């Protein structure tokens, strides 16, 4: 059977589709999955074994009012908060109506894969937020990827005006719901270009979710530094993992400074 995948309907969806088509995700990803006529469920859906990965993609221009905190708050609400709500909404729909998914806007082409049994299914949500990298580089230098701080919990913690949130830093935006991975233009390409297989990708998402909700505060200068640490540390099964040395295992704050990624890229192992 030949499966005709949908085309992205806007620039950000087409970007996501092209990125998937040239990586391991090409065999497992379906763009612009719909739930009803004219109503999209999610920008991209990936099914692998019992893993369901929902992508929500937003391309929002970063404002430039001269007030960085105001600009950040406006961009965060449009590019991250709105996308996360859409991803959670897609998760609810898939769990409630697993057989009502389609590859086209007219809902004439059923989604070709069976959704994993909900008793064992593991959902992963990925928000792809475009538009911040250039401004982030201007303000902080580096690669332009968003900084990470797992102790920032809830949407209010990211408010740079009312609650002292830091522009270009993201955390666990709602600990009461499925964890949301927040990736930007820079970090998304690094992650999918570096990991070799779909199995590696879901393992990374799974291990990162456990790590971020382990009770430790995790601060990283960017997703790429977190990924580099992960790929250079292995558990007792010789699998990549966020293994912490025994001498620092009892610490509640772990900081991954900028430079892990550069060292990893230049290493002989890489």
Protein backbone atom coordinates (compact mmCIF):
# COMPACT_ATOMS: atom_id res chain seq x y z
CA UNK A 1 0.00 0.00 0.00
CA UNK A 2 1.31 3.44 -0.95
CA UNK A 3 0.84 6.06 1.76
CA UNK A 4 0.50 9.64 0.60
CA UNK A 5 1.54 11.93 3.40
CA UNK A 6 0.11 15.42 3.66
CA UNK A 7 2.16 18.49 2.84
CA UNK A 8 2.77 21.15 5.46
CA UNK A 9 0.29 23.98 5.10
CA UNK A 10 2.56 26.78 6.32
CA UNK A 11 6.27 27.60 6.34
CA UNK A 12 6.99 26.19 9.81
CA UNK A 13 5.19 22.91 9.04
CA UNK A 14 7.06 22.56 5.75
CA UNK A 15 10.34 23.19 7.60
CA UNK A 16 9.51 20.47 10.11
CA UNK A 17 8.51 18.05 7.35
CA UNK A 18 11.73 18.65 5.36
CA UNK A 19 13.81 18.18 8.49
CA UNK A 20 12.11 14.86 9.21
CA UNK A 21 12.38 13.69 5.60
CA UNK A 22 16.17 13.94 5.68
CA UNK A 23 16.61 12.15 9.03
CA UNK A 24 15.62 8.87 10.67
CA UNK A 25 12.18 10.34 11.39
CA UNK A 26 11.20 10.03 7.73
CA UNK A 27 9.94 6.47 8.22
CA UNK A 28 7.93 7.21 11.35
CA UNK A 29 6.52 10.72 10.94
CA UNK A 30 3.26 12.02 9.47
CA UNK A 31 2.77 15.77 9.00
CA UNK A 32 -0.49 17.72 9.34
CA UNK A 33 -2.56 14.96 10.93
CA UNK A 34 -6.24 15.96 11.11
CA UNK A 35 -9.01 15.01 13.52
CA UNK A 36 -12.03 16.53 11.76
CA UNK A 37 -12.65 18.21 8.41
CA UNK A 38 -10.54 21.32 8.31
CA UNK A 39 -9.31 20.81 11.89
CA UNK A 40 -5.73 19.77 12.44
CA UNK A 41 -4.83 17.56 15.38
CA UNK A 42 -1.10 18.21 15.36
CA UNK A 43 1.66 19.47 13.09
CA UNK A 44 3.51 16.16 13.09
CA UNK A 45 2.79 12.75 14.61
CA UNK A 46 5.37 10.02 15.17
CA UNK A 47 4.46 6.46 16.16
CA UNK A 48 7.19 4.01 17.18
CA UNK A 49 6.42 0.85 19.14
CA UNK A 50 4.47 2.10 22.19
CA UNK A 51 5.74 5.68 21.85
CA UNK A 52 3.58 8.51 20.52
CA UNK A 53 5.44 11.75 19.78
CA UNK A 54 3.36 14.86 19.13
CA UNK A 55 5.04 17.89 17.54
CA UNK A 56 3.55 21.38 17.71
CA UNK A 57 5.38 23.94 15.62
CA UNK A 58 5.15 27.74 15.73
CA UNK A 59 7.04 30.34 13.74
CA UNK A 60 6.59 33.64 15.55
CA UNK A 61 8.67 36.71 14.90
CA UNK A 62 10.45 37.85 18.04
CA UNK A 63 9.31 41.41 18.89
CA UNK A 64 11.84 44.23 19.10
CA UNK A 65 10.36 46.97 21.26
CA UNK A 66 13.59 47.73 23.06
CA UNK A 67 12.17 46.11 26.22
CA UNK A 68 13.58 42.59 26.24
CA UNK A 69 11.38 41.31 29.07
CA UNK A 70 8.21 42.51 27.35
CA UNK A 71 9.41 41.07 24.04
CA UNK A 72 10.15 37.72 25.67
CA UNK A 73 6.77 37.51 27.37
CA UNK A 74 4.90 38.23 24.15
CA UNK A 75 6.93 35.72 22.15
CA UNK A 76 6.73 33.05 24.85
CA UNK A 77 2.92 33.22 24.96
CA UNK A 78 2.59 32.87 21.18
CA UNK A 79 5.43 30.49 20.35
CA UNK A 80 5.57 28.24 23.41
CA UNK A 81 2.45 28.50 25.57
CA UNK A 82 0.02 28.30 22.66
CA UNK A 83 1.95 25.43 21.07
CA UNK A 84 2.03 23.50 24.33
CA UNK A 85 -1.73 23.86 24.76
CA UNK A 86 -2.19 22.52 21.23
CA UNK A 87 0.07 19.56 21.96
CA UNK A 88 -1.83 18.71 25.15
CA UNK A 89 -5.06 19.07 23.20
CA UNK A 90 -3.79 16.64 20.56
CA UNK A 91 -2.80 14.20 23.29
CA UNK A 92 -6.32 14.33 24.78
CA UNK A 93 -7.91 13.77 21.36
CA UNK A 94 -5.69 10.81 20.48
CA UNK A 95 -6.37 9.16 23.83
CA UNK A 96 -10.13 9.68 23.49
CA UNK A 97 -10.52 9.09 19.73
CA UNK A 98 -7.54 6.97 18.60
CA UNK A 99 -9.39 5.87 15.48
CA UNK A 100 -10.35 9.37 14.34
CA UNK A 101 -7.10 10.54 12.80
CA UNK A 102 -6.59 11.36 9.13
CA UNK A 103 -3.80 12.27 6.72
CA UNK A 104 -5.78 14.94 4.87
CA UNK A 105 -7.95 17.95 5.71
CA UNK A 106 -11.04 16.32 4.18
CA UNK A 107 -10.58 13.32 6.48
CA UNK A 108 -10.83 10.86 3.62
CA UNK A 109 -7.49 9.13 4.22
CA UNK A 110 -7.36 7.35 7.60
CA UNK A 111 -4.15 7.46 9.60
CA UNK A 112 -2.38 4.23 8.53
CA UNK A 113 -0.92 3.14 11.87
CA UNK A 114 -2.63 1.78 14.94
CA UNK A 115 -2.27 3.94 18.03
CA UNK A 116 -0.51 1.93 20.78
CA UNK A 117 -2.65 0.47 23.56
CA UNK A 118 -3.26 3.34 25.97
CA UNK A 119 -2.41 1.15 28.97
CA UNK A 120 1.19 0.96 27.77
CA UNK A 121 1.50 3.96 25.42
CA UNK A 122 4.04 6.64 26.29
CA UNK A 123 3.31 10.15 25.05
CA UNK A 124 6.07 12.65 24.36
CA UNK A 125 5.26 16.26 23.47
CA UNK A 126 7.69 18.44 21.51
CA UNK A 127 7.17 22.16 20.97
CA UNK A 128 9.27 23.62 18.16
CA UNK A 129 9.47 27.37 18.72
CA UNK A 130 11.03 29.37 15.88
CA UNK A 131 12.06 32.99 15.90
CA UNK A 132 14.19 33.44 19.02
CA UNK A 133 17.64 32.22 18.00
CA UNK A 134 18.95 35.42 16.41
CA UNK A 135 17.79 37.61 19.29
CA UNK A 136 19.10 35.12 21.85
CA UNK A 137 22.54 35.25 20.20
CA UNK A 138 22.45 39.03 20.26
CA UNK A 139 21.63 39.08 23.99
CA UNK A 140 23.73 36.17 25.27
CA UNK A 141 26.05 35.01 22.49
CA UNK A 142 26.55 31.27 22.05
CA UNK A 143 24.60 29.09 19.66
CA UNK A 144 21.30 30.90 20.09
CA UNK A 145 19.49 27.93 21.60
CA UNK A 146 17.19 28.45 24.57
CA UNK A 147 18.66 27.98 28.04
CA UNK A 148 17.13 25.34 30.31
CA UNK A 149 16.23 25.47 34.00
CA UNK A 150 14.05 22.66 35.33
CA UNK A 151 13.31 24.56 38.56
CA UNK A 152 11.17 27.00 36.53
CA UNK A 153 7.84 25.24 36.98
CA UNK A 154 4.58 26.45 35.45
CA UNK A 155 3.82 29.19 32.96
CA UNK A 156 3.99 31.93 35.57
CA UNK A 157 7.63 31.09 36.35
CA UNK A 158 8.51 32.13 32.80
CA UNK A 159 6.99 35.60 33.19
CA UNK A 160 10.03 37.88 33.03
CA UNK A 161 8.15 40.86 34.48
CA UNK A 162 5.80 39.62 37.20
CA UNK A 163 7.75 36.66 38.52
CA UNK A 164 11.37 37.33 37.64
CA UNK A 165 11.64 34.83 34.81
CA UNK A 166 14.73 35.07 32.65
CA UNK A 167 14.35 35.79 28.93
CA UNK A 168 15.41 32.87 26.72
CA UNK A 169 15.29 30.41 29.64
CA UNK A 170 12.65 27.66 29.79
CA UNK A 171 11.77 24.89 32.22
CA UNK A 172 8.93 22.52 33.06
CA UNK A 173 5.96 24.59 31.92
CA UNK A 174 3.31 22.45 33.64
CA UNK A 175 4.47 19.69 36.01
CA UNK A 176 0.89 18.43 36.39
CA UNK A 177 0.68 17.40 32.74
CA UNK A 178 2.75 15.45 30.22
CA UNK A 179 6.25 16.91 30.00
CA UNK A 180 6.84 19.28 27.09
CA UNK A 181 10.25 19.38 25.39
CA UNK A 182 10.87 22.92 24.12
CA UNK A 183 13.21 23.03 21.14
CA UNK A 184 14.15 25.91 18.86
CA UNK A 185 15.59 26.13 15.36
CA UNK A 186 19.13 25.47 16.59
CA UNK A 187 18.52 22.68 19.08
CA UNK A 188 15.99 20.71 17.01
CA UNK A 189 18.39 20.28 14.10
CA UNK A 190 21.24 19.33 16.43
CA UNK A 191 19.15 16.69 18.19
CA UNK A 192 17.79 14.96 15.07
CA UNK A 193 21.11 15.23 13.18
CA UNK A 194 23.09 13.76 16.09
CA UNK A 195 20.89 10.89 17.22
CA UNK A 196 21.12 7.97 14.81
CA UNK A 197 17.80 6.14 15.10
CA UNK A 198 14.21 6.56 16.21
CA UNK A 199 15.02 4.27 19.17
CA UNK A 200 17.81 6.65 20.25
CA UNK A 201 15.45 9.60 19.92
CA UNK A 202 12.68 8.16 22.11
CA UNK A 203 15.26 6.99 24.64
CA UNK A 204 16.64 10.53 24.88
CA UNK A 205 13.17 12.03 25.33
CA UNK A 206 12.25 9.42 27.95
CA UNK A 207 15.47 9.77 29.94
CA UNK A 208 15.33 13.56 29.82
CA UNK A 209 11.76 13.53 31.14
CA UNK A 210 12.76 11.32 34.07
CA UNK A 211 15.83 13.44 34.77
CA UNK A 212 13.92 16.71 34.77
CA UNK A 213 11.27 15.39 37.13
CA UNK A 214 13.68 13.57 39.43
CA UNK A 215 13.63 16.32 42.04
CA UNK A 216 16.96 17.84 41.05
CA UNK A 217 17.26 21.33 39.61
CA UNK A 218 18.92 21.06 36.20
CA UNK A 219 20.37 24.12 34.49
CA UNK A 220 21.90 23.94 31.01
CA UNK A 221 23.11 26.65 28.65
CA UNK A 222 21.32 24.88 25.80
CA UNK A 223 19.75 21.62 24.68
CA UNK A 224 22.91 20.70 22.79
CA UNK A 225 25.02 20.74 25.98
CA UNK A 226 22.49 18.50 27.70
CA UNK A 227 22.56 16.13 24.71
CA UNK A 228 26.37 16.02 24.70
CA UNK A 229 26.46 15.08 28.37
CA UNK A 230 23.85 12.40 27.78
CA UNK A 231 25.75 10.84 24.87
CA UNK A 232 29.06 10.71 26.76
CA UNK A 233 27.70 9.00 29.88
CA UNK A 234 26.39 5.44 30.06
CA UNK A 235 24.49 3.40 32.63
CA UNK A 236 25.29 -0.15 33.75
CA UNK A 237 23.67 -1.49 30.56
CA UNK A 238 26.12 0.59 28.50
CA UNK A 239 23.28 2.80 27.27
CA UNK A 240 23.45 6.59 27.10
CA UNK A 241 21.92 8.11 30.21
CA UNK A 242 21.99 11.12 32.51
CA UNK A 243 24.31 9.36 34.96
CA UNK A 244 25.52 11.60 37.75
CA UNK A 245 28.82 10.85 39.49
CA UNK A 246 28.41 9.45 42.99
CA UNK A 247 30.24 12.37 44.58
CA UNK A 248 27.60 14.80 43.33
CA UNK A 249 24.58 12.49 43.38
CA UNK A 250 23.21 14.05 46.56
CA UNK A 251 23.29 17.61 45.22
CA UNK A 252 20.00 19.25 44.37
CA UNK A 253 21.40 21.63 41.72
CA UNK A 254 23.23 20.42 38.63
CA UNK A 255 24.65 22.91 36.13
CA UNK A 256 25.70 21.98 32.59
CA UNK A 257 27.77 24.93 31.45
CA UNK A 258 28.30 25.93 27.85
CA UNK A 259 31.08 23.94 26.24
CA UNK A 260 29.88 20.34 26.60
CA UNK A 261 28.66 20.35 23.00
CA UNK A 262 31.85 21.85 21.54
CA UNK A 263 33.98 19.31 23.41
CA UNK A 264 31.76 16.49 22.20
CA UNK A 265 31.88 17.62 18.55
CA UNK A 266 35.68 17.86 18.62
CA UNK A 267 36.25 14.60 20.48
CA UNK A 268 37.80 11.58 18.70
CA UNK A 269 34.77 9.49 19.71
CA UNK A 270 32.48 11.86 17.84
